[in-house]
């Protein structure tokens, strides 16, 4: 795996009711403080959830490159942080958010979440090709489609392929009793849009922190790059 780019990490933390000082945040001084400390360009309401949303922020730490925060969404039980970078950047951004909240009302948000999840998206070049992601028979069938008379004179080619695995979860009783619903998680591996398929460039998503996601992709690459047994 090489040329890892466009990495985006989305972190979700869920808290017990009344733990996030949401009312203090939604007061004028709370929103202004968020915008001042993290240099957000805009605020609004997330259309799909109704959460308070901050967009286009930057976390500047002395002696370190700036961390670009795509978005932060907050409601009375959940904080979502999305950064253009790795999970360390997401953790650092959340630590600053927790510090801001602590100034609004004494509360330790770093120690009290009921659930913490990471999702990592990235683009990288791999040693395997699209044929390695599917069975030999399906790959041969895909190529057979290109030879059909209906496509004569059109020079058809295989433009992209996508593998998607959706994970569901049986909820624990402790989650049901506290009103927590676990969302499905998705593994995605697809050829990069607007990139020739021969370049072996893939867009990936995994429901893990960035370091673990990269390690798992490395294991996948090693497995798919081995010569196939005849």
C-alpha atoms as a PDB file:
ATOM      1  CA  UNK A   1       0.000   0.000   0.000  1.00  0.00           C
ATOM      2  CA  UNK A   2       1.419   3.390  -0.964  1.00  0.00           C
ATOM      3  CA  UNK A   3       0.430   6.983  -1.703  1.00  0.00           C
ATOM      4  CA  UNK A   4      -2.089   7.066   1.149  1.00  0.00           C
ATOM      5  CA  UNK A   5      -4.088  10.277   0.730  1.00  0.00           C
ATOM      6  CA  UNK A   6      -7.410  11.937   1.449  1.00  0.00           C
ATOM      7  CA  UNK A   7      -7.689  10.311   4.851  1.00  0.00           C
ATOM      8  CA  UNK A   8     -10.790  11.308   6.799  1.00  0.00           C
ATOM      9  CA  UNK A   9     -11.636  10.078  10.303  1.00  0.00           C
ATOM     10  CA  UNK A  10     -15.087  10.387  11.851  1.00  0.00           C
ATOM     11  CA  UNK A  11     -15.334   9.859  15.605  1.00  0.00           C
ATOM     12  CA  UNK A  12     -18.591   9.458  17.509  1.00  0.00           C
ATOM     13  CA  UNK A  13     -19.009   9.677  21.279  1.00  0.00           C
ATOM     14  CA  UNK A  14     -22.308   8.999  23.032  1.00  0.00           C
ATOM     15  CA  UNK A  15     -22.981  10.129  26.601  1.00  0.00           C
ATOM     16  CA  UNK A  16     -25.598   9.583  29.302  1.00  0.00           C
ATOM     17  CA  UNK A  17     -28.563  11.976  29.303  1.00  0.00           C
ATOM     18  CA  UNK A  18     -27.828  15.485  30.624  1.00  0.00           C
ATOM     19  CA  UNK A  19     -24.059  14.935  30.595  1.00  0.00           C
ATOM     20  CA  UNK A  20     -23.213  17.214  27.666  1.00  0.00           C
ATOM     21  CA  UNK A  21     -23.795  20.866  28.676  1.00  0.00           C
ATOM     22  CA  UNK A  22     -25.798  21.449  25.513  1.00  0.00           C
ATOM     23  CA  UNK A  23     -27.838  24.405  26.792  1.00  0.00           C
ATOM     24  CA  UNK A  24     -24.713  26.296  27.761  1.00  0.00           C
ATOM     25  CA  UNK A  25     -23.280  25.632  24.318  1.00  0.00           C
ATOM     26  CA  UNK A  26     -26.324  26.903  22.460  1.00  0.00           C
ATOM     27  CA  UNK A  27     -26.207  30.173  24.348  1.00  0.00           C
ATOM     28  CA  UNK A  28     -24.578  32.905  22.280  1.00  0.00           C
ATOM     29  CA  UNK A  29     -21.319  32.895  24.248  1.00  0.00           C
ATOM     30  CA  UNK A  30     -20.915  29.105  23.890  1.00  0.00           C
ATOM     31  CA  UNK A  31     -21.172  29.130  20.119  1.00  0.00           C
ATOM     32  CA  UNK A  32     -18.916  32.177  19.899  1.00  0.00           C
ATOM     33  CA  UNK A  33     -16.315  30.431  22.057  1.00  0.00           C
ATOM     34  CA  UNK A  34     -16.306  27.349  19.808  1.00  0.00           C
ATOM     35  CA  UNK A  35     -15.865  29.510  16.730  1.00  0.00           C
ATOM     36  CA  UNK A  36     -13.078  31.517  18.337  1.00  0.00           C
ATOM     37  CA  UNK A  37     -11.007  28.603  19.696  1.00  0.00           C
ATOM     38  CA  UNK A  38     -11.349  26.274  16.696  1.00  0.00           C
ATOM     39  CA  UNK A  39     -11.693  28.925  13.971  1.00  0.00           C
ATOM     40  CA  UNK A  40     -14.871  27.466  12.485  1.00  0.00           C
ATOM     41  CA  UNK A  41     -16.013  29.229   9.335  1.00  0.00           C
ATOM     42  CA  UNK A  42     -19.668  28.427   9.767  1.00  0.00           C
ATOM     43  CA  UNK A  43     -22.369  27.105  12.077  1.00  0.00           C
ATOM     44  CA  UNK A  44     -25.795  25.726  11.380  1.00  0.00           C
ATOM     45  CA  UNK A  45     -28.073  22.737  11.772  1.00  0.00           C
ATOM     46  CA  UNK A  46     -27.215  19.338  10.304  1.00  0.00           C
ATOM     47  CA  UNK A  47     -30.073  18.533   7.951  1.00  0.00           C
ATOM     48  CA  UNK A  48     -30.226  14.794   8.605  1.00  0.00           C
ATOM     49  CA  UNK A  49     -30.121  14.896  12.395  1.00  0.00           C
ATOM     50  CA  UNK A  50     -30.967  18.405  13.542  1.00  0.00           C
ATOM     51  CA  UNK A  51     -27.662  18.547  15.467  1.00  0.00           C
ATOM     52  CA  UNK A  52     -25.864  21.820  16.001  1.00  0.00           C
ATOM     53  CA  UNK A  53     -23.097  21.780  13.389  1.00  0.00           C
ATOM     54  CA  UNK A  54     -19.774  23.621  13.140  1.00  0.00           C
ATOM     55  CA  UNK A  55     -17.909  23.474   9.835  1.00  0.00           C
ATOM     56  CA  UNK A  56     -14.467  24.269   8.467  1.00  0.00           C
ATOM     57  CA  UNK A  57     -12.419  24.577  11.642  1.00  0.00           C
ATOM     58  CA  UNK A  58      -8.717  24.408  12.483  1.00  0.00           C
ATOM     59  CA  UNK A  59      -6.953  23.244  15.617  1.00  0.00           C
ATOM     60  CA  UNK A  60      -3.590  24.946  15.996  1.00  0.00           C
ATOM     61  CA  UNK A  61      -1.185  23.393  18.512  1.00  0.00           C
ATOM     62  CA  UNK A  62       2.263  24.827  19.167  1.00  0.00           C
ATOM     63  CA  UNK A  63       4.990  23.040  17.251  1.00  0.00           C
ATOM     64  CA  UNK A  64       2.567  20.829  15.304  1.00  0.00           C
ATOM     65  CA  UNK A  65       0.937  21.035  11.872  1.00  0.00           C
ATOM     66  CA  UNK A  66      -2.611  22.415  11.979  1.00  0.00           C
ATOM     67  CA  UNK A  67      -5.429  19.883  12.208  1.00  0.00           C
ATOM     68  CA  UNK A  68      -8.234  20.549   9.755  1.00  0.00           C
ATOM     69  CA  UNK A  69     -11.667  19.844  11.225  1.00  0.00           C
ATOM     70  CA  UNK A  70     -14.254  19.200   8.539  1.00  0.00           C
ATOM     71  CA  UNK A  71     -17.213  19.195  10.887  1.00  0.00           C
ATOM     72  CA  UNK A  72     -18.368  18.856  14.477  1.00  0.00           C
ATOM     73  CA  UNK A  73     -21.961  17.884  15.261  1.00  0.00           C
ATOM     74  CA  UNK A  74     -23.379  18.097  18.763  1.00  0.00           C
ATOM     75  CA  UNK A  75     -26.673  17.267  20.409  1.00  0.00           C
ATOM     76  CA  UNK A  76     -27.629  16.582  24.019  1.00  0.00           C
ATOM     77  CA  UNK A  77     -26.132  13.057  23.995  1.00  0.00           C
ATOM     78  CA  UNK A  78     -23.706  12.823  21.095  1.00  0.00           C
ATOM     79  CA  UNK A  79     -20.583  14.536  19.758  1.00  0.00           C
ATOM     80  CA  UNK A  80     -19.332  13.757  16.239  1.00  0.00           C
ATOM     81  CA  UNK A  81     -15.896  14.977  15.157  1.00  0.00           C
ATOM     82  CA  UNK A  82     -14.670  14.613  11.575  1.00  0.00           C
ATOM     83  CA  UNK A  83     -11.140  15.603  10.606  1.00  0.00           C
ATOM     84  CA  UNK A  84      -9.102  15.542   7.429  1.00  0.00           C
ATOM     85  CA  UNK A  85      -6.368  13.412   8.922  1.00  0.00           C
ATOM     86  CA  UNK A  86      -5.849  10.493  11.271  1.00  0.00           C
ATOM     87  CA  UNK A  87      -7.389   9.368  14.556  1.00  0.00           C
ATOM     88  CA  UNK A  88      -4.696  11.187  16.543  1.00  0.00           C
ATOM     89  CA  UNK A  89      -5.937  14.409  14.978  1.00  0.00           C
ATOM     90  CA  UNK A  90      -9.528  13.525  15.828  1.00  0.00           C
ATOM     91  CA  UNK A  91      -8.543  12.757  19.432  1.00  0.00           C
ATOM     92  CA  UNK A  92      -6.659  16.052  19.743  1.00  0.00           C
ATOM     93  CA  UNK A  93      -9.622  17.957  18.326  1.00  0.00           C
ATOM     94  CA  UNK A  94     -11.999  16.266  20.737  1.00  0.00           C
ATOM     95  CA  UNK A  95      -9.683  17.014  23.676  1.00  0.00           C
ATOM     96  CA  UNK A  96      -9.950  20.712  22.835  1.00  0.00           C
ATOM     97  CA  UNK A  97     -13.737  20.436  22.511  1.00  0.00           C
ATOM     98  CA  UNK A  98     -13.867  18.762  25.940  1.00  0.00           C
ATOM     99  CA  UNK A  99     -11.764  21.596  27.350  1.00  0.00           C
ATOM    100  CA  UNK A 100     -14.185  24.176  25.954  1.00  0.00           C
ATOM    101  CA  UNK A 101     -17.146  22.329  27.471  1.00  0.00           C
ATOM    102  CA  UNK A 102     -15.342  22.111  30.804  1.00  0.00           C
ATOM    103  CA  UNK A 103     -15.130  25.891  30.757  1.00  0.00           C
ATOM    104  CA  UNK A 104     -18.880  26.175  30.134  1.00  0.00           C
ATOM    105  CA  UNK A 105     -19.768  23.749  32.933  1.00  0.00           C
ATOM    106  CA  UNK A 106     -17.442  21.562  35.002  1.00  0.00           C
ATOM    107  CA  UNK A 107     -17.664  18.192  33.241  1.00  0.00           C
ATOM    108  CA  UNK A 108     -15.066  15.657  32.095  1.00  0.00           C
ATOM    109  CA  UNK A 109     -16.207  14.546  28.644  1.00  0.00           C
ATOM    110  CA  UNK A 110     -12.989  12.609  27.992  1.00  0.00           C
ATOM    111  CA  UNK A 111     -13.696  10.118  30.795  1.00  0.00           C
ATOM    112  CA  UNK A 112     -17.437   9.563  30.544  1.00  0.00           C
ATOM    113  CA  UNK A 113     -18.611   8.437  27.070  1.00  0.00           C
ATOM    114  CA  UNK A 114     -20.755   5.306  26.941  1.00  0.00           C
ATOM    115  CA  UNK A 115     -19.622   4.515  23.385  1.00  0.00           C
ATOM    116  CA  UNK A 116     -16.721   5.713  21.224  1.00  0.00           C
ATOM    117  CA  UNK A 117     -16.433   4.720  17.561  1.00  0.00           C
ATOM    118  CA  UNK A 118     -14.028   5.557  14.732  1.00  0.00           C
ATOM    119  CA  UNK A 119     -14.581   5.307  10.984  1.00  0.00           C
ATOM    120  CA  UNK A 120     -11.697   5.865   8.582  1.00  0.00           C
ATOM    121  CA  UNK A 121     -11.912   6.684   4.881  1.00  0.00           C
ATOM    122  CA  UNK A 122      -8.837   6.939   2.665  1.00  0.00           C
ATOM    123  CA  UNK A 123      -7.454   6.544  -0.840  1.00  0.00           C
ATOM    124  CA  UNK A 124      -4.354   4.455  -1.584  1.00  0.00           C
ATOM    125  CA  UNK A 125      -2.574   2.511  -4.310  1.00  0.00           C
ATOM    126  CA  UNK A 126      -2.410  -1.256  -3.790  1.00  0.00           C
ATOM    127  CA  UNK A 127      -0.448  -4.095  -5.359  1.00  0.00           C
ATOM    128  CA  UNK A 128      -3.632  -6.039  -6.149  1.00  0.00           C
ATOM    129  CA  UNK A 129      -6.041  -5.302  -8.977  1.00  0.00           C
ATOM    130  CA  UNK A 130      -9.806  -5.356  -9.276  1.00  0.00           C
ATOM    131  CA  UNK A 131      -9.816  -9.000 -10.421  1.00  0.00           C
ATOM    132  CA  UNK A 132      -8.337 -10.020  -7.056  1.00  0.00           C
ATOM    133  CA  UNK A 133     -11.402  -8.706  -5.210  1.00  0.00           C
ATOM    134  CA  UNK A 134     -13.802 -11.137  -6.861  1.00  0.00           C
ATOM    135  CA  UNK A 135     -13.779 -14.771  -7.889  1.00  0.00           C
ATOM    136  CA  UNK A 136     -12.031 -15.848 -11.095  1.00  0.00           C
ATOM    137  CA  UNK A 137     -15.388 -16.835 -12.568  1.00  0.00           C
ATOM    138  CA  UNK A 138     -16.988 -13.462 -11.906  1.00  0.00           C
ATOM    139  CA  UNK A 139     -13.918 -11.677 -13.312  1.00  0.00           C
ATOM    140  CA  UNK A 140     -14.056 -13.825 -16.454  1.00  0.00           C
ATOM    141  CA  UNK A 141     -17.798 -13.202 -16.785  1.00  0.00           C
ATOM    142  CA  UNK A 142     -17.252  -9.430 -16.470  1.00  0.00           C
ATOM    143  CA  UNK A 143     -14.715  -9.535 -19.298  1.00  0.00           C
ATOM    144  CA  UNK A 144     -17.081 -11.693 -21.358  1.00  0.00           C
ATOM    145  CA  UNK A 145     -19.663  -8.923 -21.221  1.00  0.00           C
ATOM    146  CA  UNK A 146     -17.294  -6.655 -23.136  1.00  0.00           C
ATOM    147  CA  UNK A 147     -17.363  -9.038 -26.093  1.00  0.00           C
ATOM    148  CA  UNK A 148     -21.110  -9.059 -26.600  1.00  0.00           C
ATOM    149  CA  UNK A 149     -22.401  -7.943 -30.040  1.00  0.00           C
ATOM    150  CA  UNK A 150     -24.671  -5.307 -28.490  1.00  0.00           C
ATOM    151  CA  UNK A 151     -21.535  -3.301 -27.646  1.00  0.00           C
ATOM    152  CA  UNK A 152     -19.913  -3.576 -31.070  1.00  0.00           C
ATOM    153  CA  UNK A 153     -18.271  -0.340 -32.137  1.00  0.00           C
ATOM    154  CA  UNK A 154     -18.455   1.240 -28.659  1.00  0.00           C
ATOM    155  CA  UNK A 155     -15.098   0.052 -27.229  1.00  0.00           C
ATOM    156  CA  UNK A 156     -16.487  -0.965 -23.808  1.00  0.00           C
ATOM    157  CA  UNK A 157     -14.170  -1.345 -20.840  1.00  0.00           C
ATOM    158  CA  UNK A 158     -14.484  -2.139 -17.137  1.00  0.00           C
ATOM    159  CA  UNK A 159     -14.540   1.256 -15.489  1.00  0.00           C
ATOM    160  CA  UNK A 160     -14.976   0.497 -11.778  1.00  0.00           C
ATOM    161  CA  UNK A 161     -15.746  -2.126  -9.202  1.00  0.00           C
ATOM    162  CA  UNK A 162     -17.041  -1.838  -5.651  1.00  0.00           C
ATOM    163  CA  UNK A 163     -17.060  -4.288  -2.759  1.00  0.00           C
ATOM    164  CA  UNK A 164     -19.249  -3.337   0.203  1.00  0.00           C
ATOM    165  CA  UNK A 165     -19.740  -5.275   3.418  1.00  0.00           C
ATOM    166  CA  UNK A 166     -22.343  -3.989   5.890  1.00  0.00           C
ATOM    167  CA  UNK A 167     -22.047  -4.977   9.544  1.00  0.00           C
ATOM    168  CA  UNK A 168     -25.037  -5.026  11.869  1.00  0.00           C
ATOM    169  CA  UNK A 169     -24.933  -5.455  15.651  1.00  0.00           C
ATOM    170  CA  UNK A 170     -27.071  -7.203  18.230  1.00  0.00           C
ATOM    171  CA  UNK A 171     -27.641  -4.544  20.848  1.00  0.00           C
ATOM    172  CA  UNK A 172     -26.634  -5.209  24.428  1.00  0.00           C
ATOM    173  CA  UNK A 173     -29.273  -4.898  27.114  1.00  0.00           C
ATOM    174  CA  UNK A 174     -27.341  -2.032  28.683  1.00  0.00           C
ATOM    175  CA  UNK A 175     -27.628  -0.108  25.408  1.00  0.00           C
ATOM    176  CA  UNK A 176     -31.355  -0.746  25.066  1.00  0.00           C
ATOM    177  CA  UNK A 177     -31.995   0.402  28.621  1.00  0.00           C
ATOM    178  CA  UNK A 178     -30.140   3.678  28.031  1.00  0.00           C
ATOM    179  CA  UNK A 179     -31.738   4.486  24.681  1.00  0.00           C
ATOM    180  CA  UNK A 180     -28.644   3.796  22.565  1.00  0.00           C
ATOM    181  CA  UNK A 181     -29.109   2.384  19.072  1.00  0.00           C
ATOM    182  CA  UNK A 182     -26.023   1.003  17.329  1.00  0.00           C
ATOM    183  CA  UNK A 183     -25.719   2.045  13.689  1.00  0.00           C
ATOM    184  CA  UNK A 184     -24.554  -0.341  10.989  1.00  0.00           C
ATOM    185  CA  UNK A 185     -20.899  -0.131   9.982  1.00  0.00           C
ATOM    186  CA  UNK A 186     -19.581  -0.474   6.445  1.00  0.00           C
ATOM    187  CA  UNK A 187     -16.410  -1.806   4.861  1.00  0.00           C
ATOM    188  CA  UNK A 188     -15.958  -0.329   1.376  1.00  0.00           C
ATOM    189  CA  UNK A 189     -13.286  -1.097  -1.192  1.00  0.00           C
ATOM    190  CA  UNK A 190     -13.822   0.452  -4.601  1.00  0.00           C
ATOM    191  CA  UNK A 191     -11.762   1.667  -7.514  1.00  0.00           C
ATOM    192  CA  UNK A 192     -11.133   5.395  -7.292  1.00  0.00           C
ATOM    193  CA  UNK A 193     -13.519   7.566  -9.236  1.00  0.00           C
ATOM    194  CA  UNK A 194     -12.093   9.264 -12.360  1.00  0.00           C
ATOM    195  CA  UNK A 195      -8.909   7.155 -12.138  1.00  0.00           C
ATOM    196  CA  UNK A 196      -7.961   4.471 -14.697  1.00  0.00           C
ATOM    197  CA  UNK A 197      -8.683   1.082 -13.161  1.00  0.00           C
ATOM    198  CA  UNK A 198      -5.237  -0.165 -14.178  1.00  0.00           C
ATOM    199  CA  UNK A 199      -3.640   2.218 -11.654  1.00  0.00           C
ATOM    200  CA  UNK A 200      -4.969   0.084  -8.776  1.00  0.00           C
ATOM    201  CA  UNK A 201      -6.068   3.116  -6.812  1.00  0.00           C
ATOM    202  CA  UNK A 202      -8.847   2.372  -4.328  1.00  0.00           C
ATOM    203  CA  UNK A 203     -11.165   4.300  -2.038  1.00  0.00           C
ATOM    204  CA  UNK A 204     -11.646   2.502   1.260  1.00  0.00           C
ATOM    205  CA  UNK A 205     -13.741   2.842   4.408  1.00  0.00           C
ATOM    206  CA  UNK A 206     -13.325   0.776   7.568  1.00  0.00           C
ATOM    207  CA  UNK A 207     -15.069   1.093  10.956  1.00  0.00           C
ATOM    208  CA  UNK A 208     -11.840   1.452  12.926  1.00  0.00           C
ATOM    209  CA  UNK A 209      -9.322   4.051  14.043  1.00  0.00           C
ATOM    210  CA  UNK A 210      -6.910   5.071  11.290  1.00  0.00           C
ATOM    211  CA  UNK A 211      -3.922   3.121  12.598  1.00  0.00           C
ATOM    212  CA  UNK A 212      -5.873  -0.137  12.798  1.00  0.00           C
ATOM    213  CA  UNK A 213      -7.571   0.518   9.450  1.00  0.00           C
ATOM    214  CA  UNK A 214      -4.172   0.896   7.750  1.00  0.00           C
ATOM    215  CA  UNK A 215      -2.879  -2.276   9.403  1.00  0.00           C
ATOM    216  CA  UNK A 216      -5.918  -4.282   8.260  1.00  0.00           C
ATOM    217  CA  UNK A 217      -5.612  -2.972   4.710  1.00  0.00           C
ATOM    218  CA  UNK A 218      -1.971  -4.037   4.769  1.00  0.00           C
ATOM    219  CA  UNK A 219      -3.040  -7.551   5.758  1.00  0.00           C
ATOM    220  CA  UNK A 220      -5.623  -7.592   2.970  1.00  0.00           C
ATOM    221  CA  UNK A 221      -3.019  -6.485   0.450  1.00  0.00           C
ATOM    222  CA  UNK A 222      -0.579  -9.170   1.578  1.00  0.00           C
ATOM    223  CA  UNK A 223      -3.270 -11.815   1.290  1.00  0.00           C
ATOM    224  CA  UNK A 224      -4.500 -10.758  -2.162  1.00  0.00           C
ATOM    225  CA  UNK A 225      -0.976 -10.293  -3.515  1.00  0.00           C
ATOM    226  CA  UNK A 226       0.037 -13.906  -2.886  1.00  0.00           C
ATOM    227  CA  UNK A 227       0.087 -16.150  -5.965  1.00  0.00           C
ATOM    228  CA  UNK A 228      -3.167 -18.045  -6.309  1.00  0.00           C
ATOM    229  CA  UNK A 229      -3.049 -21.797  -5.807  1.00  0.00           C
ATOM    230  CA  UNK A 230      -3.731 -23.781  -8.949  1.00  0.00           C
END
